[in-house]
Amino acid sequence: MEDQLNALGLVLNLTVLWNTVDLDRAVSELRAQDYPVRDEDAARLSAFVRRHVRLEGHYSFHLPDLEGGHRALRNPDAPEDD
């Protein structure tokens, strides 16, 4: 049971870290395109967004070959998928 809790904590920490990196990239890209991002709004962003995370199943922590980059950012004007 303790190992499962440790693994869950690791997944949570990795998710928050990845979301932080992704949010920073998105805000930087929006600002580079002169999209209006206010500092007070950016300060309220949360890296604990977890709607896209599924905690059931098996996880592999092997780093995939990302071919030198990140995935493309979503268009902020596109409709949201549910």
C-alpha atoms as a PDB file:
ATOM      1  CA  MET A   1       0.000   0.000   0.000  1.00  0.00           C
ATOM      2  CA  GLU A   2       2.847   2.372   0.846  1.00  0.00           C
ATOM      3  CA  ASP A   3       4.444   1.766  -2.568  1.00  0.00           C
ATOM      4  CA  GLN A   4       1.162   2.653  -4.274  1.00  0.00           C
ATOM      5  CA  LEU A   5       0.955   5.911  -2.320  1.00  0.00           C
ATOM      6  CA  ASN A   6       4.551   6.737  -3.215  1.00  0.00           C
ATOM      7  CA  ALA A   7       3.824   6.078  -6.893  1.00  0.00           C
ATOM      8  CA  LEU A   8       0.688   8.229  -6.729  1.00  0.00           C
ATOM      9  CA  GLY A   9       2.713  11.053  -5.175  1.00  0.00           C
ATOM     10  CA  LEU A  10       5.274  10.727  -7.958  1.00  0.00           C
ATOM     11  CA  VAL A  11       2.574  10.879 -10.644  1.00  0.00           C
ATOM     12  CA  LEU A  12       1.029  13.933  -8.966  1.00  0.00           C
ATOM     13  CA  ASN A  13       4.402  15.712  -8.749  1.00  0.00           C
ATOM     14  CA  LEU A  14       5.217  14.915 -12.368  1.00  0.00           C
ATOM     15  CA  THR A  15       1.807  16.158 -13.479  1.00  0.00           C
ATOM     16  CA  VAL A  16       2.198  19.462 -11.641  1.00  0.00           C
ATOM     17  CA  LEU A  17       5.729  19.911 -13.008  1.00  0.00           C
ATOM     18  CA  TRP A  18       4.649  19.170 -16.579  1.00  0.00           C
ATOM     19  CA  ASN A  19       1.618  21.453 -16.294  1.00  0.00           C
ATOM     20  CA  THR A  20       3.884  24.234 -14.963  1.00  0.00           C
ATOM     21  CA  VAL A  21       6.226  23.905 -17.947  1.00  0.00           C
ATOM     22  CA  ASP A  22       3.293  23.752 -20.366  1.00  0.00           C
ATOM     23  CA  LEU A  23       1.561  26.790 -18.820  1.00  0.00           C
ATOM     24  CA  ASP A  24       4.781  28.796 -18.964  1.00  0.00           C
ATOM     25  CA  ARG A  25       5.248  27.918 -22.635  1.00  0.00           C
ATOM     26  CA  ALA A  26       1.642  28.827 -23.418  1.00  0.00           C
ATOM     27  CA  VAL A  27       1.768  32.199 -21.637  1.00  0.00           C
ATOM     28  CA  SER A  28       5.119  33.041 -23.245  1.00  0.00           C
ATOM     29  CA  GLU A  29       3.783  32.144 -26.692  1.00  0.00           C
ATOM     30  CA  LEU A  30       0.608  34.177 -26.192  1.00  0.00           C
ATOM     31  CA  ARG A  31       2.616  37.198 -25.083  1.00  0.00           C
ATOM     32  CA  ALA A  32       4.986  36.795 -28.047  1.00  0.00           C
ATOM     33  CA  GLN A  33       1.932  36.985 -30.323  1.00  0.00           C
ATOM     34  CA  ASP A  34       0.726  40.147 -28.511  1.00  0.00           C
ATOM     35  CA  TYR A  35      -2.260  38.273 -27.069  1.00  0.00           C
ATOM     36  CA  PRO A  36      -3.506  40.156 -23.991  1.00  0.00           C
ATOM     37  CA  VAL A  37      -2.265  38.227 -20.930  1.00  0.00           C
ATOM     38  CA  ARG A  38      -2.408  40.319 -17.771  1.00  0.00           C
ATOM     39  CA  ASP A  39       0.134  39.609 -15.019  1.00  0.00           C
ATOM     40  CA  GLU A  40      -2.626  39.365 -12.393  1.00  0.00           C
ATOM     41  CA  ASP A  41      -4.394  36.712 -14.484  1.00  0.00           C
ATOM     42  CA  ALA A  42      -1.192  34.741 -15.078  1.00  0.00           C
ATOM     43  CA  ALA A  43      -0.484  34.826 -11.327  1.00  0.00           C
ATOM     44  CA  ARG A  44      -3.761  32.955 -10.697  1.00  0.00           C
ATOM     45  CA  LEU A  45      -3.051  30.072 -13.085  1.00  0.00           C
ATOM     46  CA  SER A  46      -2.860  26.702 -11.384  1.00  0.00           C
ATOM     47  CA  ALA A  47      -0.547  23.872 -12.341  1.00  0.00           C
ATOM     48  CA  PHE A  48      -2.884  21.493 -10.526  1.00  0.00           C
ATOM     49  CA  VAL A  49      -5.234  21.156 -13.488  1.00  0.00           C
ATOM     50  CA  ARG A  50      -5.996  17.456 -13.600  1.00  0.00           C
ATOM     51  CA  ARG A  51      -9.044  16.949 -15.822  1.00  0.00           C
ATOM     52  CA  HIS A  52      -6.811  15.366 -18.464  1.00  0.00           C
ATOM     53  CA  VAL A  53      -5.114  12.972 -16.001  1.00  0.00           C
ATOM     54  CA  ARG A  54      -6.297   9.402 -15.552  1.00  0.00           C
ATOM     55  CA  LEU A  55      -4.837   7.732 -12.468  1.00  0.00           C
ATOM     56  CA  GLU A  56      -6.019   4.210 -13.165  1.00  0.00           C
ATOM     57  CA  GLY A  57      -3.895   1.762 -15.120  1.00  0.00           C
ATOM     58  CA  HIS A  58      -0.187   1.109 -15.516  1.00  0.00           C
ATOM     59  CA  TYR A  59       2.445   3.749 -16.125  1.00  0.00           C
ATOM     60  CA  SER A  60       5.779   3.595 -17.864  1.00  0.00           C
ATOM     61  CA  PHE A  61       8.395   6.172 -16.941  1.00  0.00           C
ATOM     62  CA  HIS A  62      10.582   5.626 -19.981  1.00  0.00           C
ATOM     63  CA  LEU A  63      11.302   8.944 -21.642  1.00  0.00           C
ATOM     64  CA  PRO A  64      10.037   8.912 -25.238  1.00  0.00           C
ATOM     65  CA  ASP A  65      12.037  10.404 -28.087  1.00  0.00           C
ATOM     66  CA  LEU A  66      10.497  13.860 -28.466  1.00  0.00           C
ATOM     67  CA  GLU A  67      12.511  14.572 -31.606  1.00  0.00           C
ATOM     68  CA  GLY A  68      14.014  17.733 -30.156  1.00  0.00           C
ATOM     69  CA  GLY A  69      10.895  19.562 -29.043  1.00  0.00           C
ATOM     70  CA  HIS A  70       7.552  19.827 -27.389  1.00  0.00           C
ATOM     71  CA  ARG A  71       4.141  19.202 -28.890  1.00  0.00           C
ATOM     72  CA  ALA A  72       2.414  22.124 -30.581  1.00  0.00           C
ATOM     73  CA  LEU A  73       0.392  24.413 -28.337  1.00  0.00           C
ATOM     74  CA  ARG A  74      -3.391  24.543 -28.719  1.00  0.00           C
ATOM     75  CA  ASN A  75      -4.917  27.500 -30.546  1.00  0.00           C
ATOM     76  CA  PRO A  76      -6.459  29.699 -27.809  1.00  0.00           C
ATOM     77  CA  ASP A  77      -9.322  30.674 -30.135  1.00  0.00           C
ATOM     78  CA  ALA A  78     -10.283  27.057 -30.928  1.00  0.00           C
ATOM     79  CA  PRO A  79     -13.303  25.570 -29.112  1.00  0.00           C
ATOM     80  CA  GLU A  80     -12.539  23.345 -26.134  1.00  0.00           C
ATOM     81  CA  ASP A  81     -12.858  19.565 -26.427  1.00  0.00           C
ATOM     82  CA  ASP A  82     -14.610  17.694 -23.636  1.00  0.00           C
END
